[in-house]
Structure formats: structure tokens, C-alpha cells
Amino acid sequence: MNIQLIIVILLFVAAIFYVGRLVYKSLTAKKGCGTDCKCGVDFSKIEVPKADK
């Protein structure tokens, strides 16, 4: 087998693995919040200003 063909096959397999991993990660549910989305913030004590008419 030609060395160039082996390199191309290995790169192709690596690309398939990478894309499959990206798809799998985008479809699985996240266990927690790792970003600054404020999903754990308690907004019950925040006063909303009333509009004067």
C-alpha cells in the first residue's frame, strides 16, 4: 500500500471521528451550566418599576 494512501485514509477516519463527536455532543443533554447563562439566579427579590400613566 502506498504511504500517501495510508495518510489520506487516516486523515479521513480522523475527520469522520471529529464530525461524529461534534454531532454527538450537540445532541446530548448537558448536565450542568458551564456558561454565564444565569440559570441558577433567583429573580424573586428583584423589584420591577411600575410605569406611571
N, C-alpha and C. Protein backbone atom coordinates (compact mmCIF):
# COMPACT_ATOMS: atom_id res chain seq x y z
N MET A 1 0.84 -1.18 0.00
CA MET A 1 0.00 0.00 0.00
C MET A 1 0.89 1.25 0.00
N ASN A 2 0.45 2.25 -0.70
CA ASN A 2 1.20 3.49 -0.83
C ASN A 2 1.10 4.32 0.45
N ILE A 3 2.17 4.96 0.88
CA ILE A 3 2.18 5.77 2.10
C ILE A 3 1.21 6.95 2.01
N GLN A 4 1.07 7.51 0.81
CA GLN A 4 0.14 8.63 0.64
C GLN A 4 -1.29 8.17 0.85
N LEU A 5 -1.63 6.98 0.39
CA LEU A 5 -2.97 6.45 0.57
C LEU A 5 -3.25 6.18 2.05
N ILE A 6 -2.27 5.69 2.75
CA ILE A 6 -2.44 5.45 4.20
C ILE A 6 -2.67 6.76 4.93
N ILE A 7 -1.93 7.79 4.59
CA ILE A 7 -2.10 9.10 5.23
C ILE A 7 -3.49 9.67 4.93
N VAL A 8 -3.95 9.55 3.71
CA VAL A 8 -5.27 10.06 3.33
C VAL A 8 -6.36 9.29 4.07
N ILE A 9 -6.22 7.98 4.18
CA ILE A 9 -7.22 7.17 4.90
C ILE A 9 -7.24 7.55 6.37
N LEU A 10 -6.08 7.74 6.99
CA LEU A 10 -6.02 8.14 8.40
C LEU A 10 -6.64 9.52 8.62
N LEU A 11 -6.38 10.46 7.73
CA LEU A 11 -7.00 11.78 7.85
C LEU A 11 -8.52 11.71 7.67
N PHE A 12 -8.96 10.87 6.76
CA PHE A 12 -10.40 10.70 6.55
C PHE A 12 -11.08 10.11 7.78
N VAL A 13 -10.46 9.10 8.37
CA VAL A 13 -11.01 8.49 9.58
C VAL A 13 -11.03 9.50 10.73
N ALA A 14 -9.98 10.28 10.85
CA ALA A 14 -9.93 11.31 11.91
C ALA A 14 -11.01 12.36 11.70
N ALA A 15 -11.25 12.74 10.45
CA ALA A 15 -12.30 13.73 10.17
C ALA A 15 -13.68 13.16 10.48
N ILE A 16 -13.92 11.91 10.14
CA ILE A 16 -15.21 11.26 10.45
C ILE A 16 -15.41 11.20 11.96
N PHE A 17 -14.36 10.83 12.69
CA PHE A 17 -14.44 10.77 14.15
C PHE A 17 -14.74 12.15 14.73
N TYR A 18 -14.08 13.19 14.24
CA TYR A 18 -14.27 14.54 14.74
C TYR A 18 -15.69 15.04 14.49
N VAL A 19 -16.21 14.84 13.30
CA VAL A 19 -17.57 15.29 12.98
C VAL A 19 -18.59 14.48 13.79
N GLY A 20 -18.37 13.19 13.92
CA GLY A 20 -19.27 12.38 14.73
C GLY A 20 -19.29 12.81 16.18
N ARG A 21 -18.14 13.18 16.71
CA ARG A 21 -18.06 13.66 18.09
C ARG A 21 -18.80 14.99 18.25
N LEU A 22 -18.67 15.88 17.27
CA LEU A 22 -19.38 17.16 17.32
C LEU A 22 -20.89 16.94 17.30
N VAL A 23 -21.36 16.06 16.45
CA VAL A 23 -22.80 15.78 16.37
C VAL A 23 -23.28 15.16 17.66
N TYR A 24 -22.54 14.22 18.20
CA TYR A 24 -22.93 13.57 19.45
C TYR A 24 -23.01 14.56 20.60
N LYS A 25 -22.02 15.45 20.70
CA LYS A 25 -22.04 16.45 21.77
C LYS A 25 -23.18 17.44 21.62
N SER A 26 -23.56 17.77 20.41
CA SER A 26 -24.65 18.73 20.22
C SER A 26 -26.00 18.10 20.50
N LEU A 27 -26.11 16.78 20.42
CA LEU A 27 -27.40 16.12 20.64
C LEU A 27 -27.59 15.63 22.07
N THR A 28 -26.54 15.49 22.84
CA THR A 28 -26.68 15.01 24.21
C THR A 28 -27.03 16.17 25.14
N ALA A 29 -27.77 15.84 26.18
CA ALA A 29 -28.18 16.85 27.15
C ALA A 29 -27.01 17.21 28.06
N LYS A 30 -26.94 18.46 28.42
CA LYS A 30 -25.88 18.91 29.30
C LYS A 30 -26.30 18.67 30.74
N LYS A 31 -25.35 18.30 31.59
CA LYS A 31 -25.65 18.00 32.98
C LYS A 31 -25.71 19.25 33.84
N GLY A 32 -25.01 20.27 33.45
CA GLY A 32 -24.96 21.46 34.28
C GLY A 32 -24.72 22.68 33.45
N CYS A 33 -24.64 23.77 34.12
CA CYS A 33 -24.44 25.03 33.42
C CYS A 33 -22.97 25.41 33.52
N GLY A 34 -22.31 25.46 32.40
CA GLY A 34 -20.90 25.81 32.41
C GLY A 34 -20.65 27.20 31.89
N THR A 35 -21.69 27.89 31.44
CA THR A 35 -21.53 29.22 30.90
C THR A 35 -22.23 30.23 31.80
N ASP A 36 -22.21 31.47 31.41
CA ASP A 36 -22.83 32.53 32.20
C ASP A 36 -24.27 32.76 31.73
N CYS A 37 -25.11 31.73 31.83
CA CYS A 37 -26.49 31.86 31.35
C CYS A 37 -27.46 32.29 32.45
N LYS A 38 -27.00 32.37 33.68
CA LYS A 38 -27.79 32.82 34.83
C LYS A 38 -29.00 31.92 35.08
N CYS A 39 -28.87 30.64 34.82
CA CYS A 39 -30.00 29.73 35.04
C CYS A 39 -30.20 29.43 36.52
N GLY A 40 -29.22 29.69 37.36
CA GLY A 40 -29.36 29.43 38.78
C GLY A 40 -29.61 30.68 39.60
N VAL A 41 -29.94 31.80 38.97
CA VAL A 41 -30.13 33.07 39.67
C VAL A 41 -31.57 33.18 40.13
N ASP A 42 -31.76 33.64 41.37
CA ASP A 42 -33.10 33.84 41.92
C ASP A 42 -33.54 35.27 41.65
N PHE A 43 -34.52 35.43 40.78
CA PHE A 43 -35.02 36.76 40.41
C PHE A 43 -36.24 37.18 41.24
N SER A 44 -36.60 36.43 42.28
CA SER A 44 -37.81 36.73 43.04
C SER A 44 -37.69 38.00 43.88
N LYS A 45 -36.50 38.44 44.25
CA LYS A 45 -36.32 39.63 45.10
C LYS A 45 -36.06 40.89 44.30
N ILE A 46 -36.11 40.82 42.99
CA ILE A 46 -35.87 41.99 42.16
C ILE A 46 -37.17 42.75 41.98
N GLU A 47 -37.13 44.05 42.27
CA GLU A 47 -38.34 44.87 42.15
C GLU A 47 -38.45 45.41 40.72
N VAL A 48 -39.66 45.28 40.18
CA VAL A 48 -39.91 45.76 38.82
C VAL A 48 -40.52 47.16 38.93
N PRO A 49 -39.93 48.16 38.30
CA PRO A 49 -40.51 49.50 38.38
C PRO A 49 -41.87 49.55 37.70
N LYS A 50 -42.80 50.29 38.32
CA LYS A 50 -44.13 50.44 37.77
C LYS A 50 -44.16 51.62 36.81
N ALA A 51 -44.87 51.43 35.73
CA ALA A 51 -44.99 52.51 34.74
C ALA A 51 -46.07 53.50 35.20
N ASP A 52 -45.72 54.80 35.24
CA ASP A 52 -46.68 55.84 35.61
C ASP A 52 -47.49 56.25 34.40
N LYS A 53 -48.79 56.42 34.60
CA LYS A 53 -49.65 56.82 33.48
C LYS A 53 -50.16 58.21 33.67
